[in-house]
Protein backbone atom coordinates (compact mmCIF):
# COMPACT_ATOMS: atom_id res chain seq x y z
CA MET A 1 12.47 -39.11 34.47
CA VAL A 2 12.17 -35.73 32.82
CA HIS A 3 12.27 -35.61 29.05
CA ASN A 4 13.63 -32.51 27.40
CA HIS A 5 11.33 -32.12 24.40
CA GLN A 6 12.36 -29.54 21.86
CA PHE A 7 9.58 -27.81 19.95
CA ARG A 8 9.72 -28.54 16.27
CA PRO A 9 7.39 -26.51 14.06
CA ASN A 10 5.38 -28.18 11.36
CA PRO A 11 7.44 -28.20 8.11
CA LYS A 12 4.75 -26.15 6.39
CA GLU A 13 4.72 -23.60 9.20
CA ARG A 14 8.52 -23.45 9.12
CA TRP A 15 8.38 -22.84 5.34
CA ILE A 16 6.14 -19.84 5.93
CA MET A 17 8.49 -18.32 8.51
CA GLU A 18 11.55 -18.87 6.39
CA ALA A 19 9.99 -17.84 3.06
CA SER A 20 11.55 -14.87 1.31
CA VAL A 21 9.76 -11.70 0.40
CA LYS A 22 10.39 -12.43 -3.28
CA ASP A 23 8.21 -15.54 -2.98
CA PHE A 24 5.16 -13.37 -2.32
CA MET A 25 5.86 -10.08 -4.09
CA VAL A 26 4.10 -8.93 -7.25
CA PRO A 27 6.43 -7.73 -10.07
CA ILE A 28 6.09 -4.02 -10.78
CA ALA A 29 5.19 -4.77 -14.40
CA LYS A 30 1.77 -5.98 -13.22
CA PHE A 31 0.80 -2.63 -11.70
CA PRO A 32 -0.88 0.21 -13.61
CA ARG A 33 1.10 3.44 -13.59
CA ILE A 34 0.46 7.15 -13.53
CA SER A 35 2.82 10.06 -14.18
CA ASP A 36 3.71 12.37 -11.32
CA THR A 37 2.72 15.26 -13.61
CA ALA A 38 -0.87 14.02 -13.89
CA THR A 39 -3.48 16.37 -12.41
CA PHE A 40 -5.52 15.69 -9.32
CA SER A 41 -8.59 14.95 -11.43
CA GLY A 42 -6.49 12.62 -13.60
CA ALA A 43 -5.40 10.75 -10.49
CA VAL A 44 -8.99 10.32 -9.30
CA MET A 45 -10.06 9.01 -12.69
CA ALA A 46 -7.07 6.67 -12.92
CA LEU A 47 -7.79 5.19 -9.48
CA GLU A 48 -11.43 4.68 -10.38
CA ARG A 49 -10.52 3.02 -13.66
CA ALA A 50 -7.94 0.75 -12.00
CA ASN A 51 -10.47 -0.29 -9.38
CA GLU A 52 -13.13 -1.07 -12.00
CA GLU A 53 -10.67 -3.16 -14.02
CA TYR A 54 -9.62 -4.99 -10.86
CA LEU A 55 -13.20 -5.78 -9.88
CA SER A 56 -14.05 -6.94 -13.39
CA GLY A 57 -11.04 -9.25 -13.49
CA LYS A 58 -9.27 -7.37 -16.27
CA ARG A 59 -6.38 -6.40 -14.01
CA GLU A 60 -4.73 -8.21 -11.10
CA GLN A 61 -3.79 -5.10 -9.12
CA ARG A 62 -5.44 -1.76 -8.37
CA ILE A 63 -2.56 0.04 -6.71
CA LEU A 64 -1.16 2.77 -8.97
CA LEU A 65 2.60 3.22 -9.16
CA VAL A 66 3.73 6.82 -9.69
CA THR A 67 6.53 7.46 -12.18
CA ASP A 68 8.69 10.54 -12.82
CA SER A 69 9.92 12.03 -16.11
CA GLU A 70 12.49 9.23 -16.44
CA ASN A 71 9.81 6.56 -15.93
CA LYS A 72 11.27 5.73 -12.53
CA VAL A 73 8.81 4.64 -9.85
CA VAL A 74 8.81 7.26 -7.11
CA GLY A 75 5.81 6.17 -5.05
CA LYS A 76 2.31 4.73 -5.10
CA LEU A 77 -1.10 6.34 -5.27
CA SER A 78 -4.07 5.44 -3.08
CA PRO A 79 -7.40 7.12 -2.22
CA LEU A 80 -5.78 8.36 0.98
CA ASP A 81 -3.13 10.18 -1.06
CA VAL A 82 -5.90 11.86 -3.06
CA VAL A 83 -7.47 13.21 0.13
CA ARG A 84 -4.03 14.39 1.23
CA GLY A 85 -3.78 16.37 -1.99
CA LEU A 86 -6.84 18.43 -1.09
CA GLU A 87 -5.92 19.09 2.52
CA PRO A 88 -2.54 20.80 3.15
CA ASP A 89 -2.70 20.05 6.89
CA TYR A 90 -3.68 16.43 6.35
CA GLU A 91 -0.51 15.02 7.89
CA LYS A 92 -1.27 16.79 11.18
CA LEU A 93 -4.70 15.17 11.42
CA VAL A 94 -4.35 11.58 10.35
CA ASP A 95 -1.48 9.18 10.95
CA GLU A 96 0.42 9.21 7.65
CA GLN A 97 0.93 5.45 7.91
CA SER A 98 -2.78 4.64 8.20
CA SER A 99 -3.52 3.87 4.54
CA VAL A 100 -4.24 0.28 5.56
CA TYR A 101 -7.54 1.62 6.94
CA VAL A 102 -8.56 3.44 3.76
CA GLU A 103 -11.64 1.26 3.32
CA LYS A 104 -12.94 2.55 6.67
CA PHE A 105 -13.54 6.09 5.51
CA SER A 106 -15.09 7.15 8.81
CA TYR A 107 -11.64 6.69 10.34
CA VAL A 108 -10.23 9.23 7.91
CA ILE A 109 -13.11 11.63 7.36
CA GLN A 110 -14.41 12.20 10.89
CA PRO A 111 -11.29 13.85 12.37
CA MET A 112 -11.01 15.99 9.24
CA LYS A 113 -14.62 17.14 9.61
CA GLU A 114 -13.93 18.14 13.17
CA GLN A 115 -10.57 19.84 12.72
CA THR A 116 -10.51 21.41 9.26
CA THR A 117 -12.63 23.45 6.91
CA LEU A 118 -12.10 21.12 3.95
CA TRP A 119 -15.63 19.75 4.00
CA ALA A 120 -17.12 23.21 4.41
CA LYS A 121 -15.61 24.38 1.14
CA PRO A 122 -17.98 24.70 -1.83
CA LEU A 123 -17.51 21.92 -4.36
CA ASP A 124 -16.59 24.49 -7.00
CA ASP A 125 -13.66 25.63 -4.83
CA LEU A 126 -12.42 22.06 -4.46
CA CYS A 127 -12.61 21.55 -8.21
CA ALA A 128 -10.70 24.78 -8.85
CA ILE A 129 -7.96 23.73 -6.44
CA ALA A 130 -7.79 20.26 -7.98
CA LYS A 131 -7.03 21.69 -11.41
CA ASP A 132 -3.81 23.25 -10.13
CA ILE A 133 -2.59 20.25 -8.13
CA LEU A 134 -0.30 17.65 -9.66
CA VAL A 135 0.37 14.18 -8.30
CA LYS A 136 3.98 15.09 -7.51
CA ASP A 137 2.73 17.91 -5.27
CA PHE A 138 1.22 15.51 -2.75
CA ILE A 139 2.58 12.03 -3.35
CA GLN A 140 4.74 10.72 -0.52
CA PRO A 141 8.06 9.03 -1.38
CA PRO A 142 8.56 5.62 0.25
CA LYS A 143 9.96 5.77 3.77
CA SER A 144 12.85 3.52 4.77
CA SER A 145 10.44 1.30 6.72
CA GLN A 146 8.48 0.71 3.52
CA ILE A 147 11.49 -0.55 1.55
CA ILE A 148 12.61 -4.15 1.93
CA ASP A 149 15.15 -6.43 0.24
CA GLN A 150 13.85 -9.30 -1.87
CA ASP A 151 15.79 -11.84 0.22
CA ALA A 152 14.41 -10.65 3.56
CA ASN A 153 12.18 -13.19 5.31
CA LEU A 154 8.51 -12.76 6.08
CA ASN A 155 9.19 -12.13 9.76
CA ASN A 156 10.92 -8.91 8.74
CA ALA A 157 8.01 -7.96 6.46
CA PHE A 158 5.42 -8.72 9.18
CA HIS A 159 7.28 -6.45 11.57
CA ARG A 160 7.04 -3.56 9.11
CA PHE A 161 3.38 -4.21 8.35
CA VAL A 162 2.46 -4.26 12.04
CA MET A 163 4.74 -1.61 13.49
CA PHE A 164 4.36 0.99 10.73
CA LYS A 165 0.86 0.07 9.50
CA HIS A 166 1.96 -0.18 5.86
CA ASP A 167 -0.43 -1.83 3.43
CA SER A 168 2.40 -2.66 1.03
CA LEU A 169 6.19 -2.67 0.83
CA PHE A 170 8.53 -1.80 -2.03
CA VAL A 171 10.77 -4.78 -2.81
CA MET A 172 14.33 -4.10 -3.92
CA ASP A 173 17.05 -6.09 -5.67
CA GLY A 174 20.01 -4.02 -4.56
CA LYS A 175 19.05 -0.50 -5.64
CA LYS A 176 16.54 -1.66 -8.23
CA LEU A 177 12.80 -1.76 -7.49
CA ILE A 178 11.48 -5.10 -8.69
CA GLY A 179 8.12 -5.54 -7.02
CA VAL A 180 5.55 -4.74 -4.37
CA LEU A 181 4.68 -6.91 -1.37
CA ARG A 182 1.06 -6.40 -0.36
CA PHE A 183 -0.13 -7.31 3.11
CA SER A 184 -3.36 -8.68 1.67
CA ASP A 185 -1.46 -11.17 -0.51
CA VAL A 186 0.67 -12.41 2.37
CA TYR A 187 -2.31 -12.69 4.71
CA LYS A 188 -4.27 -14.65 2.09
CA GLU A 189 -1.43 -17.15 1.67
CA ILE A 190 -0.95 -17.60 5.42
CA GLY A 191 -4.67 -18.19 5.83
CA ARG A 192 -4.65 -20.75 3.02
CA ARG A 193 -1.77 -22.68 4.57
CA ILE A 194 -3.35 -22.66 8.03
CA LYS A 195 -6.51 -24.20 6.56
CA GLU A 196 -4.41 -26.73 4.67
CA SER A 197 -2.30 -27.72 7.69
CA CYS A 198 -5.25 -27.94 10.09
CA GLY A 199 -7.59 -29.62 7.64
CA LEU A 200 -10.15 -26.82 7.95
């Protein structure tokens, strides 16, 4: 006699799959901000300060949200964006969606060393250029693949993280930006629940 067994996922595993993006997102109020009229040097200093505060436990997030003259969030700022600001042809050299690899600087720097003259420029020249560059000159507005509704499930978010190599997604409530979903936060929670379910 053949039994037709239907696979039934563990309730905890099913909760993870069915969880909404809003269950994992971080409200935008928790992120430090920087104006899109800030200079390049201001952006570098702001990123460094945000990172120091994050490492010291004074701040929960180190991603900088970029705001326009109406205080509307128009993007986010990362070290990769800073490099983009110095190299006009940056988009031709490095996949624009590869910010998830920003910690692995060899991934970013090596092709630039080989294909551009950026690193051959005297430091004084780079500093002079930086004084004339504003954040709004190089910040990239969110692409459609980086925007997700708060009620979307995690399967949808995972697809965007994997297919487009985003390190974070902008979470919307209708047309209003309400938070940011970071891959690192989602991965940490999934790992925690796997350990919990498996008794690891």
